[in-house]
PDB file of N, CA and C in Angstrom:
ATOM      1  N   UNK A   1     -27.465  30.611 -30.784  1.00  0.00           N
ATOM      2  CA  UNK A   1     -26.719  30.973 -31.830  1.00  0.00           C
ATOM      3  C   UNK A   1     -25.280  31.976 -31.429  1.00  0.00           C
ATOM      4  N   UNK A   2     -24.148  31.066 -31.333  1.00  0.00           N
ATOM      5  CA  UNK A   2     -22.999  31.926 -31.354  1.00  0.00           C
ATOM      6  C   UNK A   2     -22.653  32.616 -32.607  1.00  0.00           C
ATOM      7  N   UNK A   3     -22.210  33.867 -32.541  1.00  0.00           N
ATOM      8  CA  UNK A   3     -21.780  34.664 -33.564  1.00  0.00           C
ATOM      9  C   UNK A   3     -20.388  34.948 -33.458  1.00  0.00           C
ATOM     10  N   UNK A   4     -19.620  35.180 -34.786  1.00  0.00           N
ATOM     11  CA  UNK A   4     -18.186  35.409 -34.557  1.00  0.00           C
ATOM     12  C   UNK A   4     -17.784  36.565 -35.497  1.00  0.00           C
ATOM     13  N   UNK A   5     -16.808  37.504 -35.102  1.00  0.00           N
ATOM     14  CA  UNK A   5     -16.360  38.578 -35.866  1.00  0.00           C
ATOM     15  C   UNK A   5     -15.774  38.208 -37.193  1.00  0.00           C
ATOM     16  N   UNK A   6     -16.024  38.866 -37.927  1.00  0.00           N
ATOM     17  CA  UNK A   6     -15.548  38.868 -39.614  1.00  0.00           C
ATOM     18  C   UNK A   6     -15.060  39.854 -40.120  1.00  0.00           C
ATOM     19  N   UNK A   7     -14.020  39.900 -40.737  1.00  0.00           N
ATOM     20  CA  UNK A   7     -13.363  40.975 -41.396  1.00  0.00           C
ATOM     21  C   UNK A   7     -13.655  40.971 -42.896  1.00  0.00           C
ATOM     22  N   UNK A   8     -14.243  41.860 -43.612  1.00  0.00           N
ATOM     23  CA  UNK A   8     -14.863  41.722 -44.973  1.00  0.00           C
ATOM     24  C   UNK A   8     -14.307  42.866 -45.542  1.00  0.00           C
ATOM     25  N   UNK A   9     -13.641  42.476 -46.878  1.00  0.00           N
ATOM     26  CA  UNK A   9     -13.467  43.632 -47.924  1.00  0.00           C
ATOM     27  C   UNK A   9     -14.431  43.877 -48.810  1.00  0.00           C
ATOM     28  N   UNK A  10     -15.135  44.924 -48.890  1.00  0.00           N
ATOM     29  CA  UNK A  10     -16.101  45.193 -49.878  1.00  0.00           C
ATOM     30  C   UNK A  10     -15.877  46.761 -50.682  1.00  0.00           C
ATOM     31  N   UNK A  11     -16.441  46.772 -51.882  1.00  0.00           N
ATOM     32  CA  UNK A  11     -16.138  48.133 -52.546  1.00  0.00           C
ATOM     33  C   UNK A  11     -16.902  49.171 -51.741  1.00  0.00           C
ATOM     34  N   UNK A  12     -16.128  50.204 -51.633  1.00  0.00           N
ATOM     35  CA  UNK A  12     -16.674  51.265 -50.909  1.00  0.00           C
ATOM     36  C   UNK A  12     -17.719  51.939 -51.330  1.00  0.00           C
ATOM     37  N   UNK A  13     -17.984  52.143 -52.575  1.00  0.00           N
ATOM     38  CA  UNK A  13     -19.463  52.459 -52.968  1.00  0.00           C
ATOM     39  C   UNK A  13     -20.517  51.715 -52.781  1.00  0.00           C
ATOM     40  N   UNK A  14     -20.333  50.240 -52.946  1.00  0.00           N
ATOM     41  CA  UNK A  14     -21.239  49.417 -52.524  1.00  0.00           C
ATOM     42  C   UNK A  14     -21.587  49.283 -51.194  1.00  0.00           C
ATOM     43  N   UNK A  15     -20.700  49.403 -50.254  1.00  0.00           N
ATOM     44  CA  UNK A  15     -20.982  49.813 -49.034  1.00  0.00           C
ATOM     45  C   UNK A  15     -21.671  51.049 -48.475  1.00  0.00           C
ATOM     46  N   UNK A  16     -21.343  52.025 -49.173  1.00  0.00           N
ATOM     47  CA  UNK A  16     -21.976  53.467 -48.831  1.00  0.00           C
ATOM     48  C   UNK A  16     -23.606  53.103 -49.410  1.00  0.00           C
ATOM     49  N   UNK A  17     -23.790  52.388 -50.565  1.00  0.00           N
ATOM     50  CA  UNK A  17     -25.088  52.357 -51.030  1.00  0.00           C
ATOM     51  C   UNK A  17     -25.844  51.373 -50.167  1.00  0.00           C
ATOM     52  N   UNK A  18     -25.287  50.457 -49.688  1.00  0.00           N
ATOM     53  CA  UNK A  18     -26.110  49.597 -48.583  1.00  0.00           C
ATOM     54  C   UNK A  18     -26.430  50.619 -47.214  1.00  0.00           C
ATOM     55  N   UNK A  19     -25.564  51.218 -46.902  1.00  0.00           N
ATOM     56  CA  UNK A  19     -25.875  52.090 -45.655  1.00  0.00           C
ATOM     57  C   UNK A  19     -26.828  53.166 -45.893  1.00  0.00           C
ATOM     58  N   UNK A  20     -26.898  53.688 -47.039  1.00  0.00           N
ATOM     59  CA  UNK A  20     -27.696  54.478 -47.648  1.00  0.00           C
ATOM     60  C   UNK A  20     -29.188  53.957 -47.412  1.00  0.00           C
ATOM     61  N   UNK A  21     -29.328  52.591 -48.032  1.00  0.00           N
ATOM     62  CA  UNK A  21     -30.580  51.969 -47.951  1.00  0.00           C
ATOM     63  C   UNK A  21     -30.906  51.373 -46.579  1.00  0.00           C
ATOM     64  N   UNK A  22     -30.082  51.468 -45.756  1.00  0.00           N
ATOM     65  CA  UNK A  22     -30.518  50.908 -44.517  1.00  0.00           C
ATOM     66  C   UNK A  22     -29.978  49.599 -44.315  1.00  0.00           C
ATOM     67  N   UNK A  23     -29.121  49.161 -44.853  1.00  0.00           N
ATOM     68  CA  UNK A  23     -28.977  47.490 -44.814  1.00  0.00           C
ATOM     69  C   UNK A  23     -27.710  47.420 -43.813  1.00  0.00           C
ATOM     70  N   UNK A  24     -27.741  46.451 -42.981  1.00  0.00           N
ATOM     71  CA  UNK A  24     -27.027  45.948 -42.089  1.00  0.00           C
ATOM     72  C   UNK A  24     -26.247  44.873 -42.729  1.00  0.00           C
ATOM     73  N   UNK A  25     -24.968  45.120 -43.218  1.00  0.00           N
ATOM     74  CA  UNK A  25     -24.344  44.218 -43.941  1.00  0.00           C
ATOM     75  C   UNK A  25     -24.220  42.898 -43.473  1.00  0.00           C
ATOM     76  N   UNK A  26     -23.715  42.559 -41.869  1.00  0.00           N
ATOM     77  CA  UNK A  26     -23.557  41.273 -41.363  1.00  0.00           C
ATOM     78  C   UNK A  26     -24.939  40.619 -41.274  1.00  0.00           C
ATOM     79  N   UNK A  27     -26.043  41.363 -41.175  1.00  0.00           N
ATOM     80  CA  UNK A  27     -27.498  40.729 -41.271  1.00  0.00           C
ATOM     81  C   UNK A  27     -27.888  40.141 -42.610  1.00  0.00           C
ATOM     82  N   UNK A  28     -27.443  41.126 -43.489  1.00  0.00           N
ATOM     83  CA  UNK A  28     -27.851  40.695 -44.776  1.00  0.00           C
ATOM     84  C   UNK A  28     -26.973  39.399 -45.411  1.00  0.00           C
ATOM     85  N   UNK A  29     -25.759  39.340 -45.170  1.00  0.00           N
ATOM     86  CA  UNK A  29     -24.811  38.331 -45.401  1.00  0.00           C
ATOM     87  C   UNK A  29     -25.426  37.133 -44.775  1.00  0.00           C
ATOM     88  N   UNK A  30     -25.668  37.230 -43.671  1.00  0.00           N
ATOM     89  CA  UNK A  30     -26.182  36.100 -42.744  1.00  0.00           C
ATOM     90  C   UNK A  30     -27.424  35.478 -43.183  1.00  0.00           C
ATOM     91  N   UNK A  31     -28.439  36.458 -43.792  1.00  0.00           N
ATOM     92  CA  UNK A  31     -29.750  35.869 -44.432  1.00  0.00           C
ATOM     93  C   UNK A  31     -29.525  35.257 -45.614  1.00  0.00           C
ATOM     94  N   UNK A  32     -28.583  35.856 -46.463  1.00  0.00           N
ATOM     95  CA  UNK A  32     -28.278  35.373 -47.820  1.00  0.00           C
ATOM     96  C   UNK A  32     -27.471  34.122 -47.718  1.00  0.00           C
ATOM     97  N   UNK A  33     -26.590  33.871 -46.663  1.00  0.00           N
ATOM     98  CA  UNK A  33     -25.937  32.807 -46.614  1.00  0.00           C
ATOM     99  C   UNK A  33     -27.121  31.536 -46.334  1.00  0.00           C
ATOM    100  N   UNK A  34     -27.934  31.935 -45.328  1.00  0.00           N
ATOM    101  CA  UNK A  34     -28.924  30.828 -45.125  1.00  0.00           C
ATOM    102  C   UNK A  34     -29.819  30.382 -46.027  1.00  0.00           C
ATOM    103  N   UNK A  35     -30.298  31.483 -46.964  1.00  0.00           N
ATOM    104  CA  UNK A  35     -30.993  31.119 -48.324  1.00  0.00           C
ATOM    105  C   UNK A  35     -30.157  30.285 -49.216  1.00  0.00           C
ATOM    106  N   UNK A  36     -28.776  30.566 -49.127  1.00  0.00           N
ATOM    107  CA  UNK A  36     -28.089  29.764 -50.289  1.00  0.00           C
ATOM    108  C   UNK A  36     -27.849  28.328 -49.846  1.00  0.00           C
ATOM    109  N   UNK A  37     -27.770  28.199 -48.459  1.00  0.00           N
ATOM    110  CA  UNK A  37     -27.699  26.765 -48.047  1.00  0.00           C
ATOM    111  C   UNK A  37     -28.985  25.850 -48.049  1.00  0.00           C
ATOM    112  N   UNK A  38     -30.140  26.624 -47.725  1.00  0.00           N
ATOM    113  CA  UNK A  38     -31.440  26.086 -48.023  1.00  0.00           C
ATOM    114  C   UNK A  38     -31.775  25.916 -49.360  1.00  0.00           C
ATOM    115  N   UNK A  39     -31.085  26.527 -50.334  1.00  0.00           N
ATOM    116  CA  UNK A  39     -31.052  26.262 -51.920  1.00  0.00           C
ATOM    117  C   UNK A  39     -30.486  24.984 -52.103  1.00  0.00           C
ATOM    118  N   UNK A  40     -29.253  24.806 -51.452  1.00  0.00           N
ATOM    119  CA  UNK A  40     -28.460  23.701 -51.720  1.00  0.00           C
ATOM    120  C   UNK A  40     -29.228  22.423 -51.185  1.00  0.00           C
ATOM    121  N   UNK A  41     -29.762  22.433 -49.876  1.00  0.00           N
ATOM    122  CA  UNK A  41     -30.355  21.272 -49.552  1.00  0.00           C
ATOM    123  C   UNK A  41     -31.472  20.909 -50.353  1.00  0.00           C
ATOM    124  N   UNK A  42     -32.209  21.888 -50.824  1.00  0.00           N
ATOM    125  CA  UNK A  42     -33.399  21.467 -51.784  1.00  0.00           C
ATOM    126  C   UNK A  42     -33.141  21.106 -53.049  1.00  0.00           C
ATOM    127  N   UNK A  43     -31.746  21.435 -53.588  1.00  0.00           N
ATOM    128  CA  UNK A  43     -31.418  20.647 -54.888  1.00  0.00           C
ATOM    129  C   UNK A  43     -30.648  19.428 -54.780  1.00  0.00           C
ATOM    130  N   UNK A  44     -30.406  19.314 -53.581  1.00  0.00           N
ATOM    131  CA  UNK A  44     -29.600  18.063 -53.113  1.00  0.00           C
ATOM    132  C   UNK A  44     -28.279  18.031 -53.798  1.00  0.00           C
ATOM    133  N   UNK A  45     -27.592  18.890 -54.146  1.00  0.00           N
ATOM    134  CA  UNK A  45     -26.251  19.168 -54.451  1.00  0.00           C
ATOM    135  C   UNK A  45     -25.336  20.206 -53.800  1.00  0.00           C
ATOM    136  N   UNK A  46     -24.099  19.887 -54.011  1.00  0.00           N
ATOM    137  CA  UNK A  46     -23.318  21.247 -53.345  1.00  0.00           C
ATOM    138  C   UNK A  46     -22.110  21.527 -54.220  1.00  0.00           C
ATOM    139  N   UNK A  47     -21.680  22.711 -53.973  1.00  0.00           N
ATOM    140  CA  UNK A  47     -20.724  23.195 -54.977  1.00  0.00           C
ATOM    141  C   UNK A  47     -19.414  22.447 -54.725  1.00  0.00           C
ATOM    142  N   UNK A  48     -18.707  22.459 -56.008  1.00  0.00           N
ATOM    143  CA  UNK A  48     -17.211  21.777 -55.837  1.00  0.00           C
ATOM    144  C   UNK A  48     -16.349  22.492 -54.733  1.00  0.00           C
ATOM    145  N   UNK A  49     -15.528  21.615 -54.369  1.00  0.00           N
ATOM    146  CA  UNK A  49     -14.534  22.395 -53.362  1.00  0.00           C
ATOM    147  C   UNK A  49     -13.766  23.569 -54.021  1.00  0.00           C
ATOM    148  N   UNK A  50     -13.516  23.307 -55.335  1.00  0.00           N
ATOM    149  CA  UNK A  50     -12.523  24.377 -56.011  1.00  0.00           C
ATOM    150  C   UNK A  50     -13.045  25.509 -56.086  1.00  0.00           C
ATOM    151  N   UNK A  51     -14.551  25.788 -56.416  1.00  0.00           N
ATOM    152  CA  UNK A  51     -15.106  26.934 -56.700  1.00  0.00           C
ATOM    153  C   UNK A  51     -16.007  27.596 -55.454  1.00  0.00           C
ATOM    154  N   UNK A  52     -16.445  28.882 -55.728  1.00  0.00           N
ATOM    155  CA  UNK A  52     -17.372  29.411 -54.534  1.00  0.00           C
ATOM    156  C   UNK A  52     -18.798  29.088 -54.940  1.00  0.00           C
ATOM    157  N   UNK A  53     -19.462  28.407 -54.409  1.00  0.00           N
ATOM    158  CA  UNK A  53     -21.125  28.028 -54.790  1.00  0.00           C
ATOM    159  C   UNK A  53     -21.163  27.667 -56.116  1.00  0.00           C
ATOM    160  N   UNK A  54     -22.459  27.618 -56.438  1.00  0.00           N
ATOM    161  CA  UNK A  54     -22.740  27.206 -57.776  1.00  0.00           C
ATOM    162  C   UNK A  54     -22.457  28.102 -58.725  1.00  0.00           C
ATOM    163  N   UNK A  55     -22.088  27.450 -59.916  1.00  0.00           N
ATOM    164  CA  UNK A  55     -21.492  28.869 -61.112  1.00  0.00           C
ATOM    165  C   UNK A  55     -22.867  29.642 -61.695  1.00  0.00           C
ATOM    166  N   UNK A  56     -24.034  29.172 -61.652  1.00  0.00           N
ATOM    167  CA  UNK A  56     -25.292  29.706 -61.952  1.00  0.00           C
ATOM    168  C   UNK A  56     -26.199  29.922 -60.883  1.00  0.00           C
ATOM    169  N   UNK A  57     -25.868  30.139 -59.749  1.00  0.00           N
ATOM    170  CA  UNK A  57     -26.826  30.364 -58.495  1.00  0.00           C
ATOM    171  C   UNK A  57     -27.329  31.848 -58.719  1.00  0.00           C
ATOM    172  N   UNK A  58     -28.748  31.630 -58.835  1.00  0.00           N
ATOM    173  CA  UNK A  58     -29.467  32.757 -58.831  1.00  0.00           C
ATOM    174  C   UNK A  58     -30.770  32.784 -57.835  1.00  0.00           C
ATOM    175  N   UNK A  59     -31.093  33.827 -57.092  1.00  0.00           N
ATOM    176  CA  UNK A  59     -32.238  33.738 -56.390  1.00  0.00           C
ATOM    177  C   UNK A  59     -33.629  33.845 -57.596  1.00  0.00           C
ATOM    178  N   UNK A  60     -34.760  33.126 -56.964  1.00  0.00           N
ATOM    179  CA  UNK A  60     -35.759  33.311 -57.731  1.00  0.00           C
ATOM    180  C   UNK A  60     -36.254  34.810 -57.521  1.00  0.00           C
ATOM    181  N   UNK A  61     -36.886  35.390 -58.734  1.00  0.00           N
ATOM    182  CA  UNK A  61     -37.453  36.480 -58.761  1.00  0.00           C
ATOM    183  C   UNK A  61     -38.655  36.371 -57.638  1.00  0.00           C
ATOM    184  N   UNK A  62     -38.918  37.580 -57.012  1.00  0.00           N
ATOM    185  CA  UNK A  62     -40.009  37.820 -56.020  1.00  0.00           C
ATOM    186  C   UNK A  62     -41.208  38.581 -56.747  1.00  0.00           C
ATOM    187  N   UNK A  63     -40.896  38.823 -57.965  1.00  0.00           N
ATOM    188  CA  UNK A  63     -42.309  39.414 -59.126  1.00  0.00           C
ATOM    189  C   UNK A  63     -42.889  38.092 -59.051  1.00  0.00           C
ATOM    190  N   UNK A  64     -44.542  38.462 -59.344  1.00  0.00           N
ATOM    191  CA  UNK A  64     -45.471  37.596 -59.526  1.00  0.00           C
ATOM    192  C   UNK A  64     -45.294  36.806 -60.947  1.00  0.00           C
ATOM    193  N   UNK A  65     -45.592  35.799 -61.072  1.00  0.00           N
ATOM    194  CA  UNK A  65     -45.304  35.096 -62.274  1.00  0.00           C
ATOM    195  C   UNK A  65     -46.591  35.475 -63.316  1.00  0.00           C
ATOM    196  N   UNK A  66     -46.355  35.451 -64.496  1.00  0.00           N
ATOM    197  CA  UNK A  66     -47.116  35.713 -65.411  1.00  0.00           C
ATOM    198  C   UNK A  66     -48.046  34.369 -65.612  1.00  0.00           C
ATOM    199  N   UNK A  67     -49.381  34.699 -65.707  1.00  0.00           N
ATOM    200  CA  UNK A  67     -50.200  33.505 -65.806  1.00  0.00           C
ATOM    201  C   UNK A  67     -50.598  33.371 -67.383  1.00  0.00           C
ATOM    202  N   UNK A  68     -50.426  34.295 -68.101  1.00  0.00           N
ATOM    203  CA  UNK A  68     -50.582  34.157 -69.765  1.00  0.00           C
ATOM    204  C   UNK A  68     -49.723  35.037 -70.263  1.00  0.00           C
ATOM    205  N   UNK A  69     -49.586  34.941 -71.470  1.00  0.00           N
ATOM    206  CA  UNK A  69     -48.725  35.678 -72.450  1.00  0.00           C
ATOM    207  C   UNK A  69     -49.334  36.860 -72.680  1.00  0.00           C
ATOM    208  N   UNK A  70     -48.403  37.970 -72.791  1.00  0.00           N
ATOM    209  CA  UNK A  70     -49.003  39.348 -73.063  1.00  0.00           C
ATOM    210  C   UNK A  70     -49.121  39.314 -74.714  1.00  0.00           C
ATOM    211  N   UNK A  71     -49.948  40.363 -75.190  1.00  0.00           N
ATOM    212  CA  UNK A  71     -50.289  40.614 -76.735  1.00  0.00           C
ATOM    213  C   UNK A  71     -48.941  40.562 -77.521  1.00  0.00           C
ATOM    214  N   UNK A  72     -47.926  41.281 -77.141  1.00  0.00           N
ATOM    215  CA  UNK A  72     -46.642  41.335 -78.060  1.00  0.00           C
ATOM    216  C   UNK A  72     -46.104  39.964 -78.288  1.00  0.00           C
ATOM    217  N   UNK A  73     -46.163  39.210 -77.027  1.00  0.00           N
ATOM    218  CA  UNK A  73     -45.567  37.791 -77.144  1.00  0.00           C
ATOM    219  C   UNK A  73     -46.284  36.963 -78.160  1.00  0.00           C
ATOM    220  N   UNK A  74     -47.824  37.120 -78.021  1.00  0.00           N
ATOM    221  CA  UNK A  74     -48.447  36.104 -78.768  1.00  0.00           C
ATOM    222  C   UNK A  74     -48.288  36.723 -80.372  1.00  0.00           C
ATOM    223  N   UNK A  75     -48.232  37.790 -80.588  1.00  0.00           N
ATOM    224  CA  UNK A  75     -48.135  38.298 -82.044  1.00  0.00           C
ATOM    225  C   UNK A  75     -46.838  37.772 -82.670  1.00  0.00           C
ATOM    226  N   UNK A  76     -45.703  37.679 -81.674  1.00  0.00           N
ATOM    227  CA  UNK A  76     -44.312  37.465 -82.199  1.00  0.00           C
ATOM    228  C   UNK A  76     -44.233  35.855 -82.645  1.00  0.00           C
ATOM    229  N   UNK A  77     -45.193  35.273 -81.832  1.00  0.00           N
ATOM    230  CA  UNK A  77     -45.242  33.809 -82.019  1.00  0.00           C
ATOM    231  C   UNK A  77     -46.186  33.363 -83.308  1.00  0.00           C
ATOM    232  N   UNK A  78     -47.135  34.227 -83.338  1.00  0.00           N
ATOM    233  CA  UNK A  78     -48.137  33.708 -84.299  1.00  0.00           C
ATOM    234  C   UNK A  78     -47.623  34.368 -85.703  1.00  0.00           C
TER     235      UNK A  78
END
């Protein structure tokens, strides 16, 4: 895979937080772009040429999915 240099403007505070957490910005961006295009292929649609990406694109949570409702939710519904 051929790689190309890219100049990117990013908020200084955000960049510092990324570095403090050991993130390599170029690799992170590359992974997220791959995830995004995999998402587009899965849903079978592509963003409009005018905008950048889907207007409501969000990654699915990595948290485990609840299998049943908690007690507070059951009481609120009942």
